[in-house]
C-alpha cells in the first residue's frame, strides 16, 4: 500500500516475504528528511527502532523499517526537539552567566511545503516558532487565523495554564517574532502572508517521557490543528447564519396575506 498523510509524508507498506505475512516493511519519504537528520533524527530512530532499521532504505524512500507485527514500537520524537531539550538542560546545569541565546542558531525544519519550524534552546526554556503560509487562503480564512491566534495567546495567560501547556508569547499574522525577523528567508518572505506563533517550553513540561512526547506531537501537528479549527469555526458560523436566516424567512412568511398557520398537533387524550 502507498499512501500519504496530511503532512505530505509518503508511505509504502508491504509484505516482502509472501510466505511470512507477519513480516512487514514500512518506508517513508519526507521532504524535510535531510533537515531532521542534520539535527539528530537518526540518533533517536536508532535508539527507538535500532533492530528494525533496514540499511540501505528502500529505493525512492528516506527511511525503512522491517519488523514483525508482534514487535511494533511506539511513536518516536523528532531529533531536533530532543537535541534542544538536552542542550537546555545542560545550559541550566552549567549556569553560565554569560550565556547568550542569540549566539545560538535556530534549528530549522520544514514539515510541510507551507510550514516552517524554528527550534532553539535557552537556559530556562526552549523556544519553538512555527510559521505557516496563508497565501492560498482567502481573506475570511485569514481572519479566522487571527482570531484563533488571539484566542491561543489569551488562553495561555490564564491562571494555571502555563503549568500544563507551553506559553504563547507571539501570535501574529505577517509579523515574525523578533528572534527570527532578520533571518534571510524571513526577510524574503515579507511580500507573502505568513502567520507566526512562538511557544516557550519550560523544563517542567517535559520532565517525563509521556509529557515530552505529548508536547512534541502537539507542536508537530499544529498546522493541521489550525486548519481543523478554521473549518470548525466556519462550519459553526454557517450553521448560526442559516438558523438566523430561517428565522427571518419565517417571520416574513407570517406577514404575508396568504399565510396559513400550520396545524397544531392536539396529541392523544390518555384519559380516554
C-alpha atoms as a PDB file:
ATOM      1  CA  UNK A   1       0.000   0.000   0.000  1.00  0.00           C
ATOM      2  CA  UNK A   2       1.185   3.505  -0.868  1.00  0.00           C
ATOM      3  CA  UNK A   3      -0.420   6.443   0.920  1.00  0.00           C
ATOM      4  CA  UNK A   4       0.231   9.977   2.177  1.00  0.00           C
ATOM      5  CA  UNK A   5      -0.715  11.830   5.334  1.00  0.00           C
ATOM      6  CA  UNK A   6      -1.669  15.464   5.873  1.00  0.00           C
ATOM      7  CA  UNK A   7       1.962  16.477   6.460  1.00  0.00           C
ATOM      8  CA  UNK A   8       2.985  15.360   2.978  1.00  0.00           C
ATOM      9  CA  UNK A   9       4.796  12.214   4.119  1.00  0.00           C
ATOM     10  CA  UNK A  10       4.730   9.353   1.603  1.00  0.00           C
ATOM     11  CA  UNK A  11       4.495   5.807   2.963  1.00  0.00           C
ATOM     12  CA  UNK A  12       4.988   2.382   1.417  1.00  0.00           C
ATOM     13  CA  UNK A  13       3.771  -0.584   3.467  1.00  0.00           C
ATOM     14  CA  UNK A  14       4.496  -4.024   2.064  1.00  0.00           C
ATOM     15  CA  UNK A  15       4.983  -7.708   2.922  1.00  0.00           C
ATOM     16  CA  UNK A  16       8.265  -8.590   1.185  1.00  0.00           C
ATOM     17  CA  UNK A  17       8.038 -12.284   2.101  1.00  0.00           C
ATOM     18  CA  UNK A  18       4.857 -13.882   0.783  1.00  0.00           C
ATOM     19  CA  UNK A  19       5.493 -16.945   2.946  1.00  0.00           C
ATOM     20  CA  UNK A  20       5.560 -14.860   6.134  1.00  0.00           C
ATOM     21  CA  UNK A  21       2.835 -12.218   6.098  1.00  0.00           C
ATOM     22  CA  UNK A  22       3.686 -11.189   9.673  1.00  0.00           C
ATOM     23  CA  UNK A  23       6.893  -9.635   8.340  1.00  0.00           C
ATOM     24  CA  UNK A  24       6.290  -6.011   7.308  1.00  0.00           C
ATOM     25  CA  UNK A  25       8.343  -3.371   5.559  1.00  0.00           C
ATOM     26  CA  UNK A  26       7.480   0.300   6.127  1.00  0.00           C
ATOM     27  CA  UNK A  27       9.255   3.045   4.170  1.00  0.00           C
ATOM     28  CA  UNK A  28       8.750   6.806   4.313  1.00  0.00           C
ATOM     29  CA  UNK A  29       9.735   9.807   2.239  1.00  0.00           C
ATOM     30  CA  UNK A  30       9.568  13.316   3.725  1.00  0.00           C
ATOM     31  CA  UNK A  31      10.817  16.487   2.053  1.00  0.00           C
ATOM     32  CA  UNK A  32      12.413  17.730   5.282  1.00  0.00           C
ATOM     33  CA  UNK A  33      14.231  14.434   5.944  1.00  0.00           C
ATOM     34  CA  UNK A  34      17.702  15.930   5.374  1.00  0.00           C
ATOM     35  CA  UNK A  35      16.962  18.646   7.918  1.00  0.00           C
ATOM     36  CA  UNK A  36      15.773  16.108  10.501  1.00  0.00           C
ATOM     37  CA  UNK A  37      18.921  14.013  10.010  1.00  0.00           C
ATOM     38  CA  UNK A  38      21.063  17.135  10.361  1.00  0.00           C
ATOM     39  CA  UNK A  39      19.576  17.778  13.800  1.00  0.00           C
ATOM     40  CA  UNK A  40      19.889  14.281  15.201  1.00  0.00           C
ATOM     41  CA  UNK A  41      16.830  12.382  13.976  1.00  0.00           C
ATOM     42  CA  UNK A  42      18.843   9.244  13.223  1.00  0.00           C
ATOM     43  CA  UNK A  43      20.131   9.103  16.806  1.00  0.00           C
ATOM     44  CA  UNK A  44      16.546   8.992  18.041  1.00  0.00           C
ATOM     45  CA  UNK A  45      15.437   6.500  15.407  1.00  0.00           C
ATOM     46  CA  UNK A  46      18.369   4.179  16.122  1.00  0.00           C
ATOM     47  CA  UNK A  47      17.567   4.325  19.819  1.00  0.00           C
ATOM     48  CA  UNK A  48      13.874   3.576  19.304  1.00  0.00           C
ATOM     49  CA  UNK A  49      13.949   1.253  16.291  1.00  0.00           C
ATOM     50  CA  UNK A  50      17.559   0.026  16.094  1.00  0.00           C
ATOM     51  CA  UNK A  51      16.917  -3.688  15.348  1.00  0.00           C
ATOM     52  CA  UNK A  52      14.248  -2.862  12.744  1.00  0.00           C
ATOM     53  CA  UNK A  53      16.137  -0.283  10.665  1.00  0.00           C
ATOM     54  CA  UNK A  54      16.896  -1.506   7.139  1.00  0.00           C
ATOM     55  CA  UNK A  55      20.104  -0.231   5.539  1.00  0.00           C
ATOM     56  CA  UNK A  56      20.099   0.947   2.854  1.00  0.00           C
ATOM     57  CA  UNK A  57      16.457   2.119   2.790  1.00  0.00           C
ATOM     58  CA  UNK A  58      14.061   1.067   0.066  1.00  0.00           C
ATOM     59  CA  UNK A  59      14.820   2.760  -3.250  1.00  0.00           C
ATOM     60  CA  UNK A  60      12.991   6.065  -3.603  1.00  0.00           C
ATOM     61  CA  UNK A  61      12.467   6.445   0.170  1.00  0.00           C
ATOM     62  CA  UNK A  62      14.430   8.040   3.013  1.00  0.00           C
ATOM     63  CA  UNK A  63      13.949   5.535   5.821  1.00  0.00           C
ATOM     64  CA  UNK A  64      12.819   1.911   6.021  1.00  0.00           C
ATOM     65  CA  UNK A  65      11.806  -0.378   8.874  1.00  0.00           C
ATOM     66  CA  UNK A  66      11.438  -4.146   8.651  1.00  0.00           C
ATOM     67  CA  UNK A  67       9.738  -5.833  11.596  1.00  0.00           C
ATOM     68  CA  UNK A  68       7.338  -8.486  12.757  1.00  0.00           C
ATOM     69  CA  UNK A  69       3.819  -7.298  13.606  1.00  0.00           C
ATOM     70  CA  UNK A  70       4.260  -8.635  17.125  1.00  0.00           C
ATOM     71  CA  UNK A  71       7.229  -6.352  17.716  1.00  0.00           C
ATOM     72  CA  UNK A  72       5.759  -2.980  16.851  1.00  0.00           C
ATOM     73  CA  UNK A  73       7.085   0.002  18.802  1.00  0.00           C
ATOM     74  CA  UNK A  74       5.588   3.354  19.717  1.00  0.00           C
ATOM     75  CA  UNK A  75       5.964   6.738  18.096  1.00  0.00           C
ATOM     76  CA  UNK A  76       9.363   8.439  18.055  1.00  0.00           C
ATOM     77  CA  UNK A  77      10.367  12.029  18.735  1.00  0.00           C
ATOM     78  CA  UNK A  78      11.890  14.330  16.108  1.00  0.00           C
ATOM     79  CA  UNK A  79      15.589  14.669  16.933  1.00  0.00           C
ATOM     80  CA  UNK A  80      15.646  18.457  16.799  1.00  0.00           C
ATOM     81  CA  UNK A  81      13.372  18.712  19.823  1.00  0.00           C
ATOM     82  CA  UNK A  82      15.379  16.259  21.897  1.00  0.00           C
ATOM     83  CA  UNK A  83      18.632  17.973  20.953  1.00  0.00           C
ATOM     84  CA  UNK A  84      17.212  21.340  22.048  1.00  0.00           C
ATOM     85  CA  UNK A  85      15.835  19.903  25.298  1.00  0.00           C
ATOM     86  CA  UNK A  86      19.188  18.277  26.119  1.00  0.00           C
ATOM     87  CA  UNK A  87      21.082  21.498  25.338  1.00  0.00           C
ATOM     88  CA  UNK A  88      18.697  23.491  27.519  1.00  0.00           C
ATOM     89  CA  UNK A  89      19.216  21.121  30.451  1.00  0.00           C
ATOM     90  CA  UNK A  90      22.990  21.355  30.028  1.00  0.00           C
ATOM     91  CA  UNK A  91      22.909  25.161  29.893  1.00  0.00           C
ATOM     92  CA  UNK A  92      20.771  25.183  33.036  1.00  0.00           C
ATOM     93  CA  UNK A  93      23.238  22.932  34.839  1.00  0.00           C
ATOM     94  CA  UNK A  94      26.302  24.921  33.777  1.00  0.00           C
ATOM     95  CA  UNK A  95      24.599  28.190  34.809  1.00  0.00           C
ATOM     96  CA  UNK A  96      26.888  30.299  32.655  1.00  0.00           C
ATOM     97  CA  UNK A  97      26.199  33.946  33.491  1.00  0.00           C
ATOM     98  CA  UNK A  98      27.454  34.968  30.041  1.00  0.00           C
ATOM     99  CA  UNK A  99      25.043  32.645  28.255  1.00  0.00           C
ATOM    100  CA  UNK A 100      23.691  34.388  25.158  1.00  0.00           C
ATOM    101  CA  UNK A 101      20.827  32.596  23.381  1.00  0.00           C
ATOM    102  CA  UNK A 102      21.188  34.950  20.405  1.00  0.00           C
ATOM    103  CA  UNK A 103      24.566  33.382  19.698  1.00  0.00           C
ATOM    104  CA  UNK A 104      22.846  30.025  19.080  1.00  0.00           C
ATOM    105  CA  UNK A 105      21.466  29.302  15.635  1.00  0.00           C
ATOM    106  CA  UNK A 106      17.911  28.141  15.249  1.00  0.00           C
ATOM    107  CA  UNK A 107      17.372  24.601  14.029  1.00  0.00           C
ATOM    108  CA  UNK A 108      15.002  24.845  11.075  1.00  0.00           C
ATOM    109  CA  UNK A 109      12.605  22.112   9.942  1.00  0.00           C
ATOM    110  CA  UNK A 110      10.095  22.336   7.090  1.00  0.00           C
ATOM    111  CA  UNK A 111       7.459  19.705   7.996  1.00  0.00           C
ATOM    112  CA  UNK A 112       5.236  20.801   5.111  1.00  0.00           C
ATOM    113  CA  UNK A 113       5.612  22.828   1.927  1.00  0.00           C
ATOM    114  CA  UNK A 114       3.783  25.790   3.513  1.00  0.00           C
ATOM    115  CA  UNK A 115       5.198  25.477   7.029  1.00  0.00           C
ATOM    116  CA  UNK A 116       8.468  26.287   8.773  1.00  0.00           C
ATOM    117  CA  UNK A 117       9.528  25.418  12.283  1.00  0.00           C
ATOM    118  CA  UNK A 118      12.383  27.006  14.231  1.00  0.00           C
ATOM    119  CA  UNK A 119      13.740  25.471  17.461  1.00  0.00           C
ATOM    120  CA  UNK A 120      16.323  26.955  19.826  1.00  0.00           C
ATOM    121  CA  UNK A 121      17.236  26.351  23.439  1.00  0.00           C
ATOM    122  CA  UNK A 122      17.691  28.927  26.161  1.00  0.00           C
ATOM    123  CA  UNK A 123      18.916  28.400  29.682  1.00  0.00           C
ATOM    124  CA  UNK A 124      15.452  28.197  31.258  1.00  0.00           C
ATOM    125  CA  UNK A 125      13.252  27.135  28.354  1.00  0.00           C
ATOM    126  CA  UNK A 126      13.120  26.056  24.713  1.00  0.00           C
ATOM    127  CA  UNK A 127      11.638  28.263  22.008  1.00  0.00           C
ATOM    128  CA  UNK A 128       9.568  26.786  19.174  1.00  0.00           C
ATOM    129  CA  UNK A 129       8.436  29.155  16.417  1.00  0.00           C
ATOM    130  CA  UNK A 130       6.030  27.986  13.720  1.00  0.00           C
ATOM    131  CA  UNK A 131       5.409  29.939  10.520  1.00  0.00           C
ATOM    132  CA  UNK A 132       2.505  28.923   8.274  1.00  0.00           C
ATOM    133  CA  UNK A 133       1.952  30.395   4.791  1.00  0.00           C
ATOM    134  CA  UNK A 134      -1.506  31.888   4.248  1.00  0.00           C
ATOM    135  CA  UNK A 135      -1.176  32.902   0.598  1.00  0.00           C
ATOM    136  CA  UNK A 136      -3.603  30.185  -0.520  1.00  0.00           C
ATOM    137  CA  UNK A 137      -6.272  31.255   1.989  1.00  0.00           C
ATOM    138  CA  UNK A 138      -8.951  33.842   1.300  1.00  0.00           C
ATOM    139  CA  UNK A 139      -9.400  36.925   3.487  1.00  0.00           C
ATOM    140  CA  UNK A 140     -12.107  35.256   5.598  1.00  0.00           C
ATOM    141  CA  UNK A 141      -9.843  32.331   6.471  1.00  0.00           C
ATOM    142  CA  UNK A 142      -7.015  34.712   7.349  1.00  0.00           C
ATOM    143  CA  UNK A 143      -9.384  36.469   9.726  1.00  0.00           C
ATOM    144  CA  UNK A 144     -10.145  33.133  11.378  1.00  0.00           C
ATOM    145  CA  UNK A 145      -6.395  32.554  11.768  1.00  0.00           C
ATOM    146  CA  UNK A 146      -6.031  35.918  13.519  1.00  0.00           C
ATOM    147  CA  UNK A 147      -8.931  35.139  15.837  1.00  0.00           C
ATOM    148  CA  UNK A 148      -7.509  31.698  16.629  1.00  0.00           C
ATOM    149  CA  UNK A 149      -4.096  33.159  17.423  1.00  0.00           C
ATOM    150  CA  UNK A 150      -5.621  35.812  19.678  1.00  0.00           C
ATOM    151  CA  UNK A 151      -7.588  33.116  21.472  1.00  0.00           C
ATOM    152  CA  UNK A 152      -4.492  30.958  21.991  1.00  0.00           C
ATOM    153  CA  UNK A 153      -2.436  33.862  23.297  1.00  0.00           C
ATOM    154  CA  UNK A 154      -5.222  34.975  25.649  1.00  0.00           C
ATOM    155  CA  UNK A 155      -5.747  31.429  26.915  1.00  0.00           C
ATOM    156  CA  UNK A 156      -2.042  30.966  27.648  1.00  0.00           C
ATOM    157  CA  UNK A 157      -2.200  33.949  30.025  1.00  0.00           C
ATOM    158  CA  UNK A 158      -4.942  32.420  32.160  1.00  0.00           C
ATOM    159  CA  UNK A 159      -4.048  31.161  35.669  1.00  0.00           C
ATOM    160  CA  UNK A 160      -2.590  27.638  35.830  1.00  0.00           C
ATOM    161  CA  UNK A 161      -2.354  27.374  32.029  1.00  0.00           C
ATOM    162  CA  UNK A 162       1.449  27.553  31.933  1.00  0.00           C
ATOM    163  CA  UNK A 163       1.678  24.703  34.449  1.00  0.00           C
ATOM    164  CA  UNK A 164       0.299  22.297  31.837  1.00  0.00           C
ATOM    165  CA  UNK A 165       0.952  23.817  28.408  1.00  0.00           C
ATOM    166  CA  UNK A 166       3.636  25.894  26.651  1.00  0.00           C
ATOM    167  CA  UNK A 167       3.299  29.651  26.908  1.00  0.00           C
ATOM    168  CA  UNK A 168       2.328  31.528  23.734  1.00  0.00           C
ATOM    169  CA  UNK A 169       4.490  34.669  23.572  1.00  0.00           C
ATOM    170  CA  UNK A 170       3.881  35.676  19.959  1.00  0.00           C
ATOM    171  CA  UNK A 171       0.882  35.047  17.708  1.00  0.00           C
ATOM    172  CA  UNK A 172       0.518  37.417  14.770  1.00  0.00           C
ATOM    173  CA  UNK A 173      -0.100  37.390  11.040  1.00  0.00           C
ATOM    174  CA  UNK A 174       2.599  38.856   8.744  1.00  0.00           C
ATOM    175  CA  UNK A 175       4.731  39.890  11.743  1.00  0.00           C
ATOM    176  CA  UNK A 176       7.511  37.409  12.647  1.00  0.00           C
ATOM    177  CA  UNK A 177       8.908  37.193  16.188  1.00  0.00           C
ATOM    178  CA  UNK A 178      11.968  39.415  16.742  1.00  0.00           C
ATOM    179  CA  UNK A 179      14.226  36.346  17.159  1.00  0.00           C
ATOM    180  CA  UNK A 180      13.862  35.337  13.510  1.00  0.00           C
ATOM    181  CA  UNK A 181      12.908  38.659  11.903  1.00  0.00           C
ATOM    182  CA  UNK A 182      16.422  39.108  10.465  1.00  0.00           C
ATOM    183  CA  UNK A 183      16.788  35.630   9.011  1.00  0.00           C
ATOM    184  CA  UNK A 184      17.289  35.687   5.247  1.00  0.00           C
ATOM    185  CA  UNK A 185      14.291  33.527   4.354  1.00  0.00           C
ATOM    186  CA  UNK A 186      12.027  35.506   6.694  1.00  0.00           C
ATOM    187  CA  UNK A 187      13.084  38.824   5.148  1.00  0.00           C
ATOM    188  CA  UNK A 188      12.471  37.426   1.669  1.00  0.00           C
ATOM    189  CA  UNK A 189       9.018  36.313   2.841  1.00  0.00           C
ATOM    190  CA  UNK A 190       7.967  39.872   3.666  1.00  0.00           C
ATOM    191  CA  UNK A 191       5.918  40.080   0.452  1.00  0.00           C
ATOM    192  CA  UNK A 192       3.946  36.958   1.389  1.00  0.00           C
ATOM    193  CA  UNK A 193       1.322  36.425   4.070  1.00  0.00           C
ATOM    194  CA  UNK A 194       2.554  34.109   6.808  1.00  0.00           C
ATOM    195  CA  UNK A 195       1.226  33.519  10.324  1.00  0.00           C
ATOM    196  CA  UNK A 196       3.762  33.165  13.144  1.00  0.00           C
ATOM    197  CA  UNK A 197       3.277  31.689  16.583  1.00  0.00           C
ATOM    198  CA  UNK A 198       6.005  31.230  19.215  1.00  0.00           C
ATOM    199  CA  UNK A 199       5.888  28.833  22.177  1.00  0.00           C
ATOM    200  CA  UNK A 200       8.084  28.744  25.276  1.00  0.00           C
ATOM    201  CA  UNK A 201       8.534  25.246  26.696  1.00  0.00           C
ATOM    202  CA  UNK A 202       9.892  25.198  30.281  1.00  0.00           C
ATOM    203  CA  UNK A 203      11.647  22.100  31.659  1.00  0.00           C
ATOM    204  CA  UNK A 204       8.777  21.185  33.981  1.00  0.00           C
ATOM    205  CA  UNK A 205       6.569  20.360  30.978  1.00  0.00           C
ATOM    206  CA  UNK A 206       8.982  17.733  29.662  1.00  0.00           C
ATOM    207  CA  UNK A 207      10.112  16.026  32.864  1.00  0.00           C
ATOM    208  CA  UNK A 208       8.622  12.648  31.853  1.00  0.00           C
ATOM    209  CA  UNK A 209       8.734  10.861  28.520  1.00  0.00           C
ATOM    210  CA  UNK A 210       4.948  10.857  28.284  1.00  0.00           C
ATOM    211  CA  UNK A 211       4.761  14.630  28.709  1.00  0.00           C
ATOM    212  CA  UNK A 212       7.663  15.194  26.332  1.00  0.00           C
ATOM    213  CA  UNK A 213       6.028  13.020  23.668  1.00  0.00           C
ATOM    214  CA  UNK A 214       2.777  14.941  24.088  1.00  0.00           C
ATOM    215  CA  UNK A 215       4.406  18.376  23.834  1.00  0.00           C
ATOM    216  CA  UNK A 216       6.400  17.401  20.742  1.00  0.00           C
ATOM    217  CA  UNK A 217       3.478  15.788  18.938  1.00  0.00           C
ATOM    218  CA  UNK A 218       1.269  18.830  19.597  1.00  0.00           C
ATOM    219  CA  UNK A 219       3.871  21.150  18.028  1.00  0.00           C
ATOM    220  CA  UNK A 220       4.352  18.874  15.017  1.00  0.00           C
ATOM    221  CA  UNK A 221       0.629  18.768  14.177  1.00  0.00           C
ATOM    222  CA  UNK A 222      -0.075  22.431  14.923  1.00  0.00           C
ATOM    223  CA  UNK A 223      -0.636  23.259  11.247  1.00  0.00           C
ATOM    224  CA  UNK A 224      -3.254  20.507  10.964  1.00  0.00           C
ATOM    225  CA  UNK A 225      -4.860  21.721  14.202  1.00  0.00           C
ATOM    226  CA  UNK A 226      -5.093  25.257  12.820  1.00  0.00           C
ATOM    227  CA  UNK A 227      -6.674  24.094   9.551  1.00  0.00           C
ATOM    228  CA  UNK A 228      -9.150  21.952  11.512  1.00  0.00           C
ATOM    229  CA  UNK A 229     -10.002  24.879  13.794  1.00  0.00           C
ATOM    230  CA  UNK A 230     -10.682  27.118  10.780  1.00  0.00           C
ATOM    231  CA  UNK A 231     -13.030  24.562   9.234  1.00  0.00           C
ATOM    232  CA  UNK A 232     -14.881  24.022  12.522  1.00  0.00           C
ATOM    233  CA  UNK A 233     -15.264  27.773  13.053  1.00  0.00           C
ATOM    234  CA  UNK A 234     -16.585  28.289   9.533  1.00  0.00           C
ATOM    235  CA  UNK A 235     -18.998  25.393   9.938  1.00  0.00           C
ATOM    236  CA  UNK A 236     -20.300  26.797  13.239  1.00  0.00           C
ATOM    237  CA  UNK A 237     -20.762  30.287  11.798  1.00  0.00           C
ATOM    238  CA  UNK A 238     -22.532  28.919   8.725  1.00  0.00           C
ATOM    239  CA  UNK A 239     -24.863  26.950  10.980  1.00  0.00           C
ATOM    240  CA  UNK A 240     -25.664  30.073  13.025  1.00  0.00           C
ATOM    241  CA  UNK A 241     -26.225  32.129   9.864  1.00  0.00           C
ATOM    242  CA  UNK A 242     -28.555  29.538   8.342  1.00  0.00           C
ATOM    243  CA  UNK A 243     -30.558  29.330  11.554  1.00  0.00           C
ATOM    244  CA  UNK A 244     -30.818  33.121  11.748  1.00  0.00           C
ATOM    245  CA  UNK A 245     -31.850  33.321   8.085  1.00  0.00           C
ATOM    246  CA  UNK A 246     -34.536  30.682   8.551  1.00  0.00           C
ATOM    247  CA  UNK A 247     -35.923  32.692  11.449  1.00  0.00           C
ATOM    248  CA  UNK A 248     -36.169  35.821   9.300  1.00  0.00           C
ATOM    249  CA  UNK A 249     -37.848  33.880   6.492  1.00  0.00           C
ATOM    250  CA  UNK A 250     -40.466  32.510   8.888  1.00  0.00           C
ATOM    251  CA  UNK A 251     -41.215  35.998  10.219  1.00  0.00           C
ATOM    252  CA  UNK A 252     -41.606  37.312   6.670  1.00  0.00           C
ATOM    253  CA  UNK A 253     -43.943  34.460   5.810  1.00  0.00           C
ATOM    254  CA  UNK A 254     -46.188  35.353   8.747  1.00  0.00           C
ATOM    255  CA  UNK A 255     -46.654  38.872   7.357  1.00  0.00           C
ATOM    256  CA  UNK A 256     -47.955  37.543   4.047  1.00  0.00           C
ATOM    257  CA  UNK A 257     -51.724  37.772   3.400  1.00  0.00           C
ATOM    258  CA  UNK A 258     -51.691  34.207   2.092  1.00  0.00           C
ATOM    259  CA  UNK A 259     -50.020  32.853   5.204  1.00  0.00           C
ATOM    260  CA  UNK A 260     -51.792  29.839   6.688  1.00  0.00           C
ATOM    261  CA  UNK A 261     -50.631  28.846  10.195  1.00  0.00           C
ATOM    262  CA  UNK A 262     -49.526  25.219  10.458  1.00  0.00           C
ATOM    263  CA  UNK A 263     -51.984  22.866  12.064  1.00  0.00           C
ATOM    264  CA  UNK A 264     -51.289  22.227  15.705  1.00  0.00           C
ATOM    265  CA  UNK A 265     -50.957  18.652  16.884  1.00  0.00           C
ATOM    266  CA  UNK A 266     -53.509  18.189  19.637  1.00  0.00           C
ATOM    267  CA  UNK A 267     -51.998  14.985  20.987  1.00  0.00           C
ATOM    268  CA  UNK A 268     -53.817  11.979  22.407  1.00  0.00           C
ATOM    269  CA  UNK A 269     -56.225  12.128  25.282  1.00  0.00           C
ATOM    270  CA  UNK A 270     -54.706   9.500  27.522  1.00  0.00           C
ATOM    271  CA  UNK A 271     -57.727   9.598  29.847  1.00  0.00           C
ATOM    272  CA  UNK A 272     -59.918   8.086  27.158  1.00  0.00           C
END
